[in-house]
């Protein structure tokens, strides 16, 4: 067991070594793309390796020191101007493996770190005039922040109940002063929330490093020439979403290289240069947007419609959204070369569980765009509270179009399912209580919430609209997420736990009387 000072030294070594390994990978990939290792790049690589080797010796990591020395010898053996051998990337992976095992052993959990997690830790290098803060400390602050949000909601509901009980007396000077202090406290907590959540933000450039490696490896394996471009690396992403984004983007990048881009001979026949895969990120006040674009063969709408007809699927307004249906493929026979639909359903489910969305657009012969939308924070979001059969539910605002009173004259039954006649056409109507088994019949009155998710629209019938709240997201165990419309839970101001609904899951529920998920 290390003492406090040696443990801090070891943590500093891990952070610095991961940063240097990331820089090493950038140098090797850049020289591989240029097919030449310049004198400057060689010297920079040797310097990084020499530093890692020396620091590893200081903290007692003998195997890592020996591996770094062996890689130094490999670099020194390269002929002047020769491209870096592929074996150097393999050696880099061995260094990264030694480092991951050392970090896991220090924490006592024995679990290897993922590339996304290591990138996240590597980004924790302090800027000039800054300080390094362990992520465990930030996580603890976020936990306290979540508790404050819950207590603020509880206090707000208590003040509302007191105001209703006092009636006219609620307008007294004392009551007004209390309400004013509560509002000022809310503003302070909002500022504190924004500040703490910003501390958890990590620039996406740290993730782009691992994506560049994926492009390199997949292009080499597929025998394709691929240029990888990035934009918006300074865009910040919540640490809690970084690993999710790494997994999703890794899948989309592999799809782009393997299935999206044509073979070199096909591109030459089409008069196209080397294939390009581009990742661009941006953020606004509500979400982070990440685009994965390739200039390959694109998606053919006719093939998608034919595949939908073979499976007897209803064609939505956006046929490309069928790619996210479980098991959907444009190929009649699914094999190792299966197309874009394979795995995309799992990608969508993962994204929506965290309050995000994924969209796709394409033009045949020109390429394909996958757009990933993620919330700024993974733990706190704004939701609409609705009531149904005596139960409250929270619905994330991102997928909501409008909430309105439901007119029974606009509700009709078609093929055993309910539809709502709106000015822009018929929309399937789901009864929330009927979906969760709390009501044996489906409502034709009360209220409805219009949702848009994955190219589909659904109206959800409820008993009442409770208003908009800032809620703390509590992830549930996998066994508790068996219902497709459940994304998690949250705690209201009065301490009650309520279900957090999944808009995409609701959109997949069948409007027919039998219910169930659309396959």
Protein backbone atom coordinates (compact mmCIF):
# COMPACT_ATOMS: atom_id res chain seq x y z
CA UNK A 1 0.00 0.00 0.00
CA UNK A 2 1.52 3.33 -1.02
CA UNK A 3 1.66 6.27 1.36
CA UNK A 4 -0.14 9.49 0.46
CA UNK A 5 2.88 11.19 -1.14
CA UNK A 6 3.94 8.20 -3.23
CA UNK A 7 0.32 7.59 -4.28
CA UNK A 8 0.06 11.20 -5.48
CA UNK A 9 3.36 10.81 -7.36
CA UNK A 10 2.09 7.61 -8.99
CA UNK A 11 -1.18 9.29 -10.02
CA UNK A 12 0.79 12.15 -11.58
CA UNK A 13 2.91 9.62 -13.46
CA UNK A 14 -0.19 7.86 -14.84
CA UNK A 15 -1.73 11.11 -16.04
CA UNK A 16 1.48 12.27 -17.71
CA UNK A 17 2.24 8.87 -19.25
CA UNK A 18 -1.25 8.64 -20.80
CA UNK A 19 -0.82 12.11 -22.23
CA UNK A 20 2.53 11.15 -23.74
CA UNK A 21 1.14 7.92 -25.19
CA UNK A 22 -1.63 9.92 -26.83
CA UNK A 23 0.94 12.25 -28.36
CA UNK A 24 2.98 9.25 -29.51
CA UNK A 25 -0.05 7.79 -31.28
CA UNK A 26 -0.74 11.10 -33.02
CA UNK A 27 2.86 11.24 -34.28
CA UNK A 28 2.79 7.65 -35.55
CA UNK A 29 -0.57 8.02 -37.30
CA UNK A 30 0.45 11.31 -38.92
CA UNK A 31 3.68 9.84 -40.24
CA UNK A 32 1.84 6.72 -41.44
CA UNK A 33 -0.60 8.89 -43.38
CA UNK A 34 2.32 10.78 -44.95
CA UNK A 35 4.20 7.48 -45.59
CA UNK A 36 7.37 9.02 -44.20
CA UNK A 37 8.85 9.56 -40.74
CA UNK A 38 10.55 12.95 -40.72
CA UNK A 39 13.61 13.71 -38.63
CA UNK A 40 11.56 15.96 -36.37
CA UNK A 41 8.90 13.30 -35.80
CA UNK A 42 11.55 10.68 -35.07
CA UNK A 43 13.17 12.92 -32.47
CA UNK A 44 9.79 13.75 -30.89
CA UNK A 45 8.91 10.04 -30.66
CA UNK A 46 12.27 9.18 -29.13
CA UNK A 47 11.91 11.99 -26.58
CA UNK A 48 8.47 10.80 -25.48
CA UNK A 49 9.68 7.20 -25.16
CA UNK A 50 12.81 8.22 -23.27
CA UNK A 51 10.72 10.24 -20.80
CA UNK A 52 8.21 7.44 -20.28
CA UNK A 53 11.06 4.97 -19.75
CA UNK A 54 12.77 7.16 -17.16
CA UNK A 55 9.58 7.96 -15.25
CA UNK A 56 8.53 4.29 -15.27
CA UNK A 57 11.83 3.42 -13.60
CA UNK A 58 11.24 6.06 -10.92
CA UNK A 59 7.84 4.62 -9.92
CA UNK A 60 9.04 1.01 -10.14
CA UNK A 61 7.22 -0.17 -13.28
CA UNK A 62 10.01 -2.36 -14.64
CA UNK A 63 8.00 -4.08 -17.39
CA UNK A 64 6.82 -0.74 -18.77
CA UNK A 65 10.40 0.61 -18.69
CA UNK A 66 11.69 -2.45 -20.61
CA UNK A 67 8.88 -2.20 -23.18
CA UNK A 68 9.55 1.52 -23.74
CA UNK A 69 13.26 0.79 -24.20
CA UNK A 70 12.46 -1.92 -26.78
CA UNK A 71 10.24 0.50 -28.70
CA UNK A 72 13.06 3.05 -28.64
CA UNK A 73 15.28 0.47 -30.33
CA UNK A 74 12.60 -0.13 -33.00
CA UNK A 75 12.45 3.58 -33.81
CA UNK A 76 16.24 3.89 -33.91
CA UNK A 77 16.42 0.97 -36.36
CA UNK A 78 14.22 2.70 -38.95
CA UNK A 79 16.02 3.88 -42.08
CA UNK A 80 16.06 7.69 -42.60
CA UNK A 81 12.86 8.83 -44.34
CA UNK A 82 11.23 5.40 -44.09
CA UNK A 83 7.58 5.15 -43.05
CA UNK A 84 6.97 3.93 -39.49
CA UNK A 85 6.50 0.17 -39.36
CA UNK A 86 3.03 -1.08 -38.30
CA UNK A 87 4.79 -2.89 -35.48
CA UNK A 88 5.30 0.46 -33.76
CA UNK A 89 1.56 0.88 -33.20
CA UNK A 90 1.44 -2.65 -31.80
CA UNK A 91 4.29 -1.73 -29.45
CA UNK A 92 2.37 1.39 -28.43
CA UNK A 93 -0.63 -0.77 -27.59
CA UNK A 94 1.57 -2.93 -25.36
CA UNK A 95 2.77 0.19 -23.53
CA UNK A 96 -0.82 1.29 -23.08
CA UNK A 97 -1.73 -2.17 -21.76
CA UNK A 98 1.09 -2.09 -19.19
CA UNK A 99 -0.05 1.36 -18.07
CA UNK A 100 -3.71 0.32 -17.81
CA UNK A 101 -2.81 -2.70 -15.70
CA UNK A 102 -0.62 -0.59 -13.46
CA UNK A 103 -3.45 1.90 -12.93
CA UNK A 104 -5.97 -0.87 -12.26
CA UNK A 105 -3.62 -2.54 -9.78
CA UNK A 106 -3.18 0.76 -7.96
CA UNK A 107 -6.96 1.15 -7.64
CA UNK A 108 -7.28 -2.49 -6.60
CA UNK A 109 -10.05 -3.32 -9.08
CA UNK A 110 -8.01 -5.18 -11.68
CA UNK A 111 -10.16 -3.80 -14.52
CA UNK A 112 -8.47 -2.54 -17.68
CA UNK A 113 -9.19 1.03 -18.69
CA UNK A 114 -10.96 1.69 -22.00
CA UNK A 115 -9.44 3.96 -24.64
CA UNK A 116 -12.15 6.54 -24.00
CA UNK A 117 -11.55 6.44 -20.25
CA UNK A 118 -7.80 6.83 -20.71
CA UNK A 119 -8.40 9.73 -23.07
CA UNK A 120 -10.59 11.32 -20.44
CA UNK A 121 -7.93 11.00 -17.77
CA UNK A 122 -5.23 12.21 -20.14
CA UNK A 123 -7.19 15.39 -20.73
CA UNK A 124 -6.97 16.25 -17.04
CA UNK A 125 -3.55 17.90 -17.51
CA UNK A 126 -3.68 21.30 -15.81
CA UNK A 127 -3.57 24.40 -17.97
CA UNK A 128 -1.19 27.22 -17.06
CA UNK A 129 -2.36 28.63 -13.77
CA UNK A 130 -4.78 25.72 -13.23
CA UNK A 131 -4.95 22.79 -10.87
CA UNK A 132 -5.48 19.07 -11.39
CA UNK A 133 -8.67 17.80 -9.75
CA UNK A 134 -9.34 14.04 -9.50
CA UNK A 135 -12.50 12.93 -11.23
CA UNK A 136 -13.59 11.18 -8.03
CA UNK A 137 -13.72 14.61 -6.36
CA UNK A 138 -15.82 16.03 -9.21
CA UNK A 139 -18.15 13.04 -9.05
CA UNK A 140 -18.64 13.63 -5.32
CA UNK A 141 -19.45 17.30 -5.99
CA UNK A 142 -22.01 16.30 -8.62
CA UNK A 143 -23.60 13.89 -6.12
CA UNK A 144 -23.99 16.78 -3.66
CA UNK A 145 -25.30 18.98 -6.46
CA UNK A 146 -27.96 16.41 -7.31
CA UNK A 147 -29.02 16.34 -3.66
CA UNK A 148 -29.32 20.13 -3.65
CA UNK A 149 -31.56 20.03 -6.73
CA UNK A 150 -33.82 17.51 -4.99
CA UNK A 151 -33.94 19.58 -1.79
CA UNK A 152 -34.65 22.76 -3.78
CA UNK A 153 -37.57 21.03 -5.51
CA UNK A 154 -38.81 19.81 -2.14
CA UNK A 155 -38.62 23.31 -0.66
CA UNK A 156 -40.40 24.79 -3.67
CA UNK A 157 -43.29 22.34 -3.37
CA UNK A 158 -43.53 23.00 0.39
CA UNK A 159 -43.81 26.75 -0.26
CA UNK A 160 -46.53 26.14 -2.82
CA UNK A 161 -48.51 24.00 -0.37
CA UNK A 162 -48.09 26.62 2.33
CA UNK A 163 -49.25 29.34 -0.05
CA UNK A 164 -52.41 27.41 -0.90
CA UNK A 165 -53.10 26.79 2.78
CA UNK A 166 -52.66 30.46 3.76
CA UNK A 167 -54.73 31.80 0.88
CA UNK A 168 -54.70 35.60 0.94
CA UNK A 169 -52.22 35.51 3.80
CA UNK A 170 -49.65 34.16 1.38
CA UNK A 171 -49.27 37.68 0.01
CA UNK A 172 -48.00 39.03 3.32
CA UNK A 173 -44.63 40.75 3.56
CA UNK A 174 -43.12 37.76 5.35
CA UNK A 175 -44.34 35.29 2.72
CA UNK A 176 -43.09 37.55 -0.06
CA UNK A 177 -39.65 37.76 1.58
CA UNK A 178 -39.48 33.97 1.90
CA UNK A 179 -40.44 33.50 -1.74
CA UNK A 180 -37.85 36.11 -2.79
CA UNK A 181 -35.13 34.34 -0.78
CA UNK A 182 -36.13 31.02 -2.37
CA UNK A 183 -35.90 32.49 -5.86
CA UNK A 184 -32.45 33.99 -5.12
CA UNK A 185 -31.30 30.65 -3.71
CA UNK A 186 -32.49 28.99 -6.91
CA UNK A 187 -30.46 31.40 -9.02
CA UNK A 188 -27.36 30.74 -6.93
CA UNK A 189 -27.82 26.98 -7.18
CA UNK A 190 -28.23 27.26 -10.96
CA UNK A 191 -24.94 29.13 -11.20
CA UNK A 192 -23.26 26.58 -8.92
CA UNK A 193 -24.69 23.73 -11.01
CA UNK A 194 -23.40 25.24 -14.24
CA UNK A 195 -19.95 25.78 -12.72
CA UNK A 196 -19.61 22.24 -11.35
CA UNK A 197 -20.89 20.62 -14.52
CA UNK A 198 -18.42 22.66 -16.58
CA UNK A 199 -15.60 21.18 -14.50
CA UNK A 200 -16.68 17.72 -15.71
CA UNK A 201 -16.50 18.74 -19.36
CA UNK A 202 -13.73 17.26 -21.48
CA UNK A 203 -12.78 18.44 -24.99
CA UNK A 204 -13.72 15.96 -27.69
CA UNK A 205 -10.21 16.22 -29.13
CA UNK A 206 -9.20 13.62 -26.54
CA UNK A 207 -11.69 11.20 -28.10
CA UNK A 208 -10.69 12.05 -31.67
CA UNK A 209 -7.29 10.45 -31.01
CA UNK A 210 -8.77 7.00 -30.51
CA UNK A 211 -11.09 7.49 -33.50
CA UNK A 212 -8.13 8.26 -35.72
CA UNK A 213 -6.57 4.98 -34.68
CA UNK A 214 -9.79 3.11 -35.51
CA UNK A 215 -9.84 4.63 -39.01
CA UNK A 216 -6.20 3.68 -39.56
CA UNK A 217 -6.66 0.08 -38.42
CA UNK A 218 -9.95 -0.54 -40.27
CA UNK A 219 -8.68 1.03 -43.50
CA UNK A 220 -5.55 -1.12 -43.35
CA UNK A 221 -7.63 -4.24 -42.72
CA UNK A 222 -10.09 -3.43 -45.56
CA UNK A 223 -7.39 -2.38 -48.02
CA UNK A 224 -8.85 1.11 -48.42
CA UNK A 225 -7.25 4.54 -48.57
CA UNK A 226 -9.03 6.78 -46.10
CA UNK A 227 -8.44 10.36 -45.00
CA UNK A 228 -9.74 11.14 -41.51
CA UNK A 229 -10.76 14.74 -40.79
CA UNK A 230 -11.98 16.32 -37.56
CA UNK A 231 -13.49 19.63 -36.62
CA UNK A 232 -14.67 21.03 -33.31
CA UNK A 233 -12.22 19.18 -31.08
CA UNK A 234 -12.56 21.96 -28.54
CA UNK A 235 -16.26 21.09 -28.07
CA UNK A 236 -16.75 19.95 -24.46
CA UNK A 237 -18.60 16.81 -23.45
CA UNK A 238 -19.66 15.63 -20.01
CA UNK A 239 -17.22 13.04 -18.68
CA UNK A 240 -20.11 10.72 -17.94
CA UNK A 241 -20.94 10.67 -21.65
CA UNK A 242 -17.41 10.40 -23.00
CA UNK A 243 -17.19 6.62 -22.92
CA UNK A 244 -20.70 6.33 -24.39
CA UNK A 245 -19.71 8.68 -27.21
CA UNK A 246 -16.50 6.72 -27.76
CA UNK A 247 -18.39 3.45 -28.20
CA UNK A 248 -21.07 4.94 -30.46
CA UNK A 249 -18.67 6.93 -32.60
CA UNK A 250 -16.34 3.94 -32.85
CA UNK A 251 -19.20 1.87 -34.27
CA UNK A 252 -20.22 4.60 -36.73
CA UNK A 253 -16.61 5.13 -37.84
CA UNK A 254 -16.12 1.41 -38.50
CA UNK A 255 -19.39 1.34 -40.44
CA UNK A 256 -18.25 4.28 -42.54
CA UNK A 257 -14.90 2.69 -43.43
CA UNK A 258 -16.14 -0.87 -43.95
CA UNK A 259 -19.58 -0.36 -45.49
CA UNK A 260 -19.83 3.31 -46.44
CA UNK A 261 -16.69 3.81 -48.52
CA UNK A 262 -16.24 2.00 -51.80
CA UNK A 263 -13.19 -0.10 -52.61
CA UNK A 264 -10.27 1.73 -54.30
CA UNK A 265 -11.22 0.24 -57.69
CA UNK A 266 -14.86 1.31 -57.32
CA UNK A 267 -13.83 4.84 -56.41
CA UNK A 268 -11.48 5.07 -59.38
CA UNK A 269 -14.27 3.97 -61.70
CA UNK A 270 -16.56 6.62 -60.18
CA UNK A 271 -13.85 9.27 -60.55
CA UNK A 272 -13.50 9.72 -56.80
CA UNK A 273 -10.24 10.38 -54.91
CA UNK A 274 -9.31 8.68 -51.65
CA UNK A 275 -12.22 8.13 -49.29
CA UNK A 276 -12.88 10.64 -46.54
CA UNK A 277 -14.45 10.15 -43.11
CA UNK A 278 -15.11 13.33 -41.16
CA UNK A 279 -16.16 13.90 -37.56
CA UNK A 280 -17.40 17.40 -36.68
CA UNK A 281 -18.65 18.52 -33.27
CA UNK A 282 -20.45 21.61 -32.01
CA UNK A 283 -22.48 22.60 -28.96
CA UNK A 284 -25.23 25.03 -28.03
CA UNK A 285 -26.97 25.81 -24.75
CA UNK A 286 -28.95 22.54 -24.82
CA UNK A 287 -26.92 19.79 -26.45
CA UNK A 288 -23.71 18.58 -28.09
CA UNK A 289 -23.98 17.65 -31.77
CA UNK A 290 -21.49 15.24 -33.38
CA UNK A 291 -21.62 14.46 -37.10
CA UNK A 292 -19.98 11.42 -38.71
CA UNK A 293 -19.83 11.92 -42.48
CA UNK A 294 -18.40 9.78 -45.26
CA UNK A 295 -18.22 10.47 -49.01
CA UNK A 296 -18.95 6.88 -49.99
CA UNK A 297 -21.67 5.09 -51.90
CA UNK A 298 -24.50 6.43 -49.77
CA UNK A 299 -27.77 4.73 -48.88
CA UNK A 300 -30.25 3.77 -51.59
CA UNK A 301 -33.80 4.58 -50.59
CA UNK A 302 -35.20 1.94 -52.97
CA UNK A 303 -33.20 -0.85 -51.31
CA UNK A 304 -34.43 0.22 -47.88
CA UNK A 305 -38.06 0.24 -49.04
CA UNK A 306 -37.66 -3.20 -50.62
CA UNK A 307 -36.14 -4.58 -47.41
CA UNK A 308 -39.02 -3.07 -45.39
CA UNK A 309 -41.54 -4.71 -47.74
CA UNK A 310 -39.83 -8.11 -47.33
CA UNK A 311 -40.24 -7.84 -43.57
CA UNK A 312 -43.73 -6.36 -43.70
CA UNK A 313 -42.64 -3.20 -41.89
CA UNK A 314 -44.60 0.03 -41.83
CA UNK A 315 -42.62 2.68 -43.72
CA UNK A 316 -42.24 5.89 -41.67
CA UNK A 317 -41.97 9.38 -43.08
CA UNK A 318 -38.19 9.03 -42.92
CA UNK A 319 -37.31 5.62 -44.45
CA UNK A 320 -33.69 5.93 -43.25
CA UNK A 321 -34.93 5.57 -39.66
CA UNK A 322 -35.63 1.90 -40.48
CA UNK A 323 -31.89 1.32 -40.18
CA UNK A 324 -32.35 1.51 -36.40
CA UNK A 325 -34.94 -1.30 -36.30
CA UNK A 326 -33.65 -4.51 -34.72
CA UNK A 327 -32.28 -6.90 -37.33
CA UNK A 328 -33.03 -4.63 -40.28
CA UNK A 329 -30.68 -5.01 -43.24
CA UNK A 330 -30.90 -4.13 -46.91
CA UNK A 331 -29.44 -7.55 -47.70
CA UNK A 332 -31.74 -10.50 -48.20
CA UNK A 333 -29.20 -12.73 -46.47
CA UNK A 334 -27.30 -11.55 -43.43
CA UNK A 335 -23.67 -12.59 -43.22
CA UNK A 336 -20.26 -11.19 -42.36
CA UNK A 337 -20.68 -8.53 -45.01
CA UNK A 338 -24.05 -7.33 -43.72
CA UNK A 339 -24.79 -3.68 -44.25
CA UNK A 340 -25.53 -0.54 -42.29
CA UNK A 341 -28.47 -1.80 -40.24
CA UNK A 342 -26.42 -4.29 -38.23
CA UNK A 343 -25.74 -2.95 -34.74
CA UNK A 344 -27.41 0.42 -35.28
CA UNK A 345 -30.43 -0.60 -33.19
CA UNK A 346 -28.13 -1.17 -30.22
CA UNK A 347 -26.44 2.18 -30.88
CA UNK A 348 -29.78 3.98 -30.81
CA UNK A 349 -30.88 2.24 -27.62
CA UNK A 350 -27.63 3.19 -25.89
CA UNK A 351 -27.93 6.82 -26.96
CA UNK A 352 -31.58 7.22 -25.98
CA UNK A 353 -30.96 5.70 -22.55
CA UNK A 354 -28.81 8.75 -21.83
CA UNK A 355 -31.32 11.24 -23.20
CA UNK A 356 -29.70 11.57 -26.64
CA UNK A 357 -30.83 11.08 -30.23
CA UNK A 358 -29.29 9.80 -33.44
CA UNK A 359 -30.35 10.78 -36.96
CA UNK A 360 -29.25 9.73 -40.45
CA UNK A 361 -29.40 11.31 -43.89
CA UNK A 362 -27.85 10.16 -47.15
CA UNK A 363 -27.67 10.67 -50.88
CA UNK A 364 -26.88 7.76 -53.18
CA UNK A 365 -23.39 8.05 -54.62
CA UNK A 366 -22.52 11.04 -52.44
CA UNK A 367 -22.20 9.71 -48.91
CA UNK A 368 -23.95 9.37 -45.55
CA UNK A 369 -24.33 11.54 -42.45
CA UNK A 370 -25.03 10.19 -38.96
CA UNK A 371 -25.83 12.95 -36.47
CA UNK A 372 -25.48 12.25 -32.77
CA UNK A 373 -27.20 14.60 -30.31
CA UNK A 374 -26.24 14.30 -26.65
CA UNK A 375 -27.35 16.31 -23.58
CA UNK A 376 -24.88 18.68 -21.96
CA UNK A 377 -25.20 16.83 -18.66
CA UNK A 378 -25.82 13.17 -18.05
CA UNK A 379 -27.20 13.60 -14.53
CA UNK A 380 -29.57 16.61 -14.52
CA UNK A 381 -32.16 17.45 -17.16
CA UNK A 382 -35.42 19.32 -17.67
CA UNK A 383 -38.51 17.15 -17.89
CA UNK A 384 -42.28 17.45 -18.19
CA UNK A 385 -44.13 15.79 -15.31
CA UNK A 386 -47.36 14.03 -16.28
CA UNK A 387 -49.90 12.10 -14.20
CA UNK A 388 -51.70 8.90 -15.16
CA UNK A 389 -53.82 6.58 -12.98
CA UNK A 390 -52.48 8.14 -9.81
CA UNK A 391 -48.84 7.74 -10.87
CA UNK A 392 -46.42 10.50 -11.91
CA UNK A 393 -43.98 10.16 -14.81
CA UNK A 394 -41.14 12.39 -16.05
CA UNK A 395 -40.71 12.92 -19.79
CA UNK A 396 -37.49 14.57 -21.14
CA UNK A 397 -38.30 17.79 -22.98
CA UNK A 398 -35.95 17.13 -25.90
CA UNK A 399 -38.39 14.96 -27.87
CA UNK A 400 -41.59 16.82 -26.93
CA UNK A 401 -43.36 18.92 -29.58
CA UNK A 402 -46.40 20.12 -27.58
CA UNK A 403 -48.82 19.26 -24.78
CA UNK A 404 -52.55 19.90 -25.19
CA UNK A 405 -56.03 18.97 -23.98
CA UNK A 406 -57.30 15.85 -25.72
CA UNK A 407 -60.62 16.21 -27.54
CA UNK A 408 -62.51 12.90 -27.70
CA UNK A 409 -64.01 13.88 -31.06
CA UNK A 410 -60.52 13.83 -32.60
CA UNK A 411 -59.78 10.25 -31.45
CA UNK A 412 -60.61 7.40 -33.84
CA UNK A 413 -60.02 3.66 -33.93
CA UNK A 414 -58.18 2.21 -36.94
CA UNK A 415 -57.33 -1.51 -37.20
CA UNK A 416 -57.64 -1.96 -33.47
CA UNK A 417 -55.44 1.00 -32.58
CA UNK A 418 -56.26 4.58 -31.63
CA UNK A 419 -55.23 7.52 -33.79
CA UNK A 420 -55.49 11.24 -33.24
CA UNK A 421 -56.69 13.45 -36.09
CA UNK A 422 -54.47 16.52 -36.24
CA UNK A 423 -54.13 19.33 -38.73
CA UNK A 424 -51.06 17.61 -40.23
CA UNK A 425 -52.61 14.13 -40.46
CA UNK A 426 -53.29 11.08 -38.32
CA UNK A 427 -50.96 10.34 -35.41
CA UNK A 428 -50.95 7.05 -33.40
CA UNK A 429 -52.30 7.60 -29.88
CA UNK A 430 -50.80 5.63 -26.99
CA UNK A 431 -52.47 5.55 -23.59
CA UNK A 432 -49.74 5.70 -20.94
CA UNK A 433 -51.74 3.81 -18.32
CA UNK A 434 -52.68 1.13 -20.82
CA UNK A 435 -49.01 0.77 -21.82
CA UNK A 436 -47.94 0.22 -18.20
CA UNK A 437 -50.92 -1.97 -17.25
CA UNK A 438 -52.45 0.47 -14.75
CA UNK A 439 -55.60 0.94 -16.84
CA UNK A 440 -57.67 -1.73 -18.64
CA UNK A 441 -59.07 0.78 -21.12
CA UNK A 442 -57.58 3.51 -23.27
CA UNK A 443 -58.40 7.18 -22.74
CA UNK A 444 -60.14 9.22 -25.38
CA UNK A 445 -60.09 12.46 -23.41
CA UNK A 446 -57.97 14.31 -20.79
CA UNK A 447 -54.52 15.39 -22.08
CA UNK A 448 -51.92 14.35 -24.63
CA UNK A 449 -48.21 14.97 -25.21
CA UNK A 450 -46.92 14.93 -28.80
CA UNK A 451 -43.52 13.25 -29.19
CA UNK A 452 -41.16 13.04 -32.17
CA UNK A 453 -38.37 10.44 -32.02
CA UNK A 454 -36.53 8.29 -34.58
CA UNK A 455 -38.61 9.61 -37.47
CA UNK A 456 -41.91 8.66 -35.78
CA UNK A 457 -44.55 10.74 -34.01
CA UNK A 458 -46.72 9.52 -31.16
CA UNK A 459 -49.36 11.22 -29.06
CA UNK A 460 -49.30 9.94 -25.47
CA UNK A 461 -52.55 10.14 -23.53
CA UNK A 462 -52.34 11.07 -19.82
CA UNK A 463 -54.65 12.32 -17.05
CA UNK A 464 -52.85 15.56 -16.32
CA UNK A 465 -49.86 17.84 -17.00
CA UNK A 466 -47.95 18.72 -13.83
CA UNK A 467 -45.47 21.19 -15.28
CA UNK A 468 -41.76 21.36 -16.11
CA UNK A 469 -39.16 20.41 -13.51
CA UNK A 470 -35.40 20.12 -13.33
CA UNK A 471 -34.85 16.50 -12.35
CA UNK A 472 -31.95 14.32 -11.29
CA UNK A 473 -31.55 11.20 -13.44
CA UNK A 474 -31.09 7.91 -11.60
CA UNK A 475 -29.98 5.02 -13.79
CA UNK A 476 -31.70 1.73 -13.10
CA UNK A 477 -30.25 -1.76 -13.17
CA UNK A 478 -30.55 -3.55 -16.50
CA UNK A 479 -33.23 -5.90 -15.14
CA UNK A 480 -35.42 -2.92 -14.28
CA UNK A 481 -35.17 -1.51 -17.81
CA UNK A 482 -37.01 -4.36 -19.49
CA UNK A 483 -39.94 -2.12 -20.43
CA UNK A 484 -38.94 -0.31 -23.64
CA UNK A 485 -40.49 2.97 -22.47
CA UNK A 486 -38.43 3.21 -19.24
CA UNK A 487 -35.13 5.11 -19.28
CA UNK A 488 -34.51 5.50 -15.55
CA UNK A 489 -36.02 7.20 -12.51
CA UNK A 490 -35.95 10.49 -10.66
CA UNK A 491 -36.95 11.78 -7.22
CA UNK A 492 -39.54 14.53 -6.79
CA UNK A 493 -39.45 17.28 -4.22
CA UNK A 494 -41.69 15.33 -1.85
CA UNK A 495 -39.28 12.38 -1.92
CA UNK A 496 -41.32 10.14 -4.25
CA UNK A 497 -39.46 8.18 -6.90
CA UNK A 498 -41.04 8.37 -10.37
CA UNK A 499 -40.28 6.68 -13.68
CA UNK A 500 -38.27 8.61 -16.28
CA UNK A 501 -39.75 7.78 -19.68
CA UNK A 502 -37.79 7.03 -22.84
CA UNK A 503 -39.30 9.00 -25.79
CA UNK A 504 -37.74 6.68 -28.38
CA UNK A 505 -39.11 3.68 -26.50
CA UNK A 506 -42.59 5.17 -26.49
CA UNK A 507 -42.30 5.82 -30.23
CA UNK A 508 -41.54 2.12 -30.77
CA UNK A 509 -44.59 0.89 -28.88
CA UNK A 510 -47.32 -0.47 -31.14
CA UNK A 511 -50.52 1.61 -31.29
CA UNK A 512 -52.55 -1.61 -31.65
CA UNK A 513 -54.65 -2.95 -28.82
CA UNK A 514 -52.14 -5.68 -27.99
CA UNK A 515 -49.40 -3.13 -27.39
CA UNK A 516 -45.82 -4.31 -27.31
CA UNK A 517 -42.73 -3.07 -29.10
CA UNK A 518 -42.69 -2.74 -32.87
CA UNK A 519 -40.16 -5.18 -34.33
